[in-house]
Amino acid sequence: MKPRIHPVSRQVVFRDRAAGVAFLTRSTADADQRVEWEDGNSYPVIDMDTSSASHPFYTGTDRVVDTAGRIEQFRRRYGTTQPAGH
């Protein structure tokens, strides 16, 4: 690997304001604001609007799509035709 072309990777806290949780992980992102973590060290903190802790896809609170109703609506609009050979 070539020297001095890769960004610096550091420990960073990502804080999800919607869910009230924080994650300590490695990232190339940096921030001016810092927070003291559970281990007593101070890390840069990046506030997020959504993470896996608050996103509906991961939490299971997403709405269910009525696929049967959509199929019936399509058939009413465009008719039901049988494929060739049936």
Protein backbone atom coordinates (compact mmCIF):
# COMPACT_ATOMS: atom_id res chain seq x y z
CA MET A 1 0.00 0.00 0.00
CA LYS A 2 1.18 3.49 -0.76
CA PRO A 3 2.00 5.62 2.28
CA ARG A 4 0.05 8.83 3.11
CA ILE A 5 -2.89 8.23 0.73
CA HIS A 6 -5.31 6.57 3.18
CA PRO A 7 -7.50 8.63 5.53
CA VAL A 8 -6.87 8.40 9.25
CA SER A 9 -9.16 5.96 11.02
CA ARG A 10 -10.08 6.73 14.63
CA GLN A 11 -12.58 5.78 17.33
CA VAL A 12 -15.75 7.88 16.96
CA VAL A 13 -19.07 7.91 18.82
CA PHE A 14 -22.16 8.05 16.59
CA ARG A 15 -25.16 9.26 18.59
CA ASP A 16 -28.73 8.65 17.39
CA ARG A 17 -30.81 11.49 18.80
CA ALA A 18 -34.15 9.89 17.86
CA ALA A 19 -33.51 6.64 19.75
CA GLY A 20 -31.24 8.04 22.47
CA VAL A 21 -28.48 5.52 21.84
CA ALA A 22 -24.80 5.85 20.95
CA PHE A 23 -22.34 3.56 19.17
CA LEU A 24 -18.56 3.57 19.50
CA THR A 25 -16.89 2.46 16.28
CA ARG A 26 -13.99 3.24 13.99
CA SER A 27 -14.47 5.84 11.28
CA THR A 28 -12.57 8.31 9.15
CA ALA A 29 -15.09 11.00 10.12
CA ASP A 30 -14.02 13.59 12.67
CA ALA A 31 -15.92 16.14 14.74
CA ASP A 32 -15.13 19.16 16.87
CA GLN A 33 -17.55 18.12 19.61
CA ARG A 34 -16.36 15.41 22.01
CA VAL A 35 -18.09 13.15 24.53
CA GLU A 36 -16.83 11.03 27.40
CA TRP A 37 -17.53 7.35 26.75
CA GLU A 38 -18.20 4.52 29.24
CA ASP A 39 -14.50 3.60 29.33
CA GLY A 40 -13.60 7.10 30.61
CA ASN A 41 -11.97 8.24 27.37
CA SER A 42 -13.08 11.23 25.34
CA TYR A 43 -14.06 10.63 21.69
CA PRO A 44 -15.35 12.79 18.83
CA VAL A 45 -19.15 12.54 18.62
CA ILE A 46 -21.30 12.74 15.47
CA ASP A 47 -25.05 13.23 15.91
CA MET A 48 -27.35 11.37 13.51
CA ASP A 49 -31.06 11.59 12.78
CA THR A 50 -31.50 7.88 12.05
CA SER A 51 -29.60 4.68 12.75
CA SER A 52 -30.44 1.00 13.00
CA ALA A 53 -31.85 1.72 16.46
CA SER A 54 -34.52 4.12 15.15
CA HIS A 55 -35.06 3.25 11.48
CA PRO A 56 -38.44 1.55 10.85
CA PHE A 57 -36.89 -1.18 8.69
CA TYR A 58 -34.69 -2.39 11.55
CA THR A 59 -37.15 -1.79 14.40
CA GLY A 60 -40.06 -3.57 12.71
CA THR A 61 -42.38 -0.57 12.86
CA ASP A 62 -42.57 -0.08 9.11
CA ARG A 63 -46.01 -0.14 7.54
CA VAL A 64 -47.26 -3.21 5.74
CA VAL A 65 -47.99 -2.73 2.05
CA ASP A 66 -51.30 -4.16 0.86
CA THR A 67 -49.91 -6.17 -2.04
CA ALA A 68 -53.13 -8.14 -2.60
CA GLY A 69 -55.10 -4.91 -2.99
CA ARG A 70 -52.54 -3.50 -5.38
CA ILE A 71 -52.67 -6.63 -7.54
CA GLU A 72 -56.47 -6.50 -7.71
CA GLN A 73 -56.33 -2.80 -8.60
CA PHE A 74 -53.87 -3.59 -11.41
CA ARG A 75 -56.11 -6.37 -12.72
CA ARG A 76 -59.19 -4.12 -12.67
CA ARG A 77 -57.35 -1.38 -14.50
CA TYR A 78 -55.57 -3.46 -17.13
CA GLY A 79 -57.71 -6.59 -17.18
CA THR A 80 -56.67 -10.15 -16.56
CA THR A 81 -55.08 -11.81 -19.51
CA GLN A 82 -53.78 -15.34 -19.57
CA PRO A 83 -50.25 -15.91 -20.85
CA ALA A 84 -49.99 -17.46 -24.34
CA GLY A 85 -50.28 -21.22 -24.32
CA HIS A 86 -52.76 -21.54 -21.45
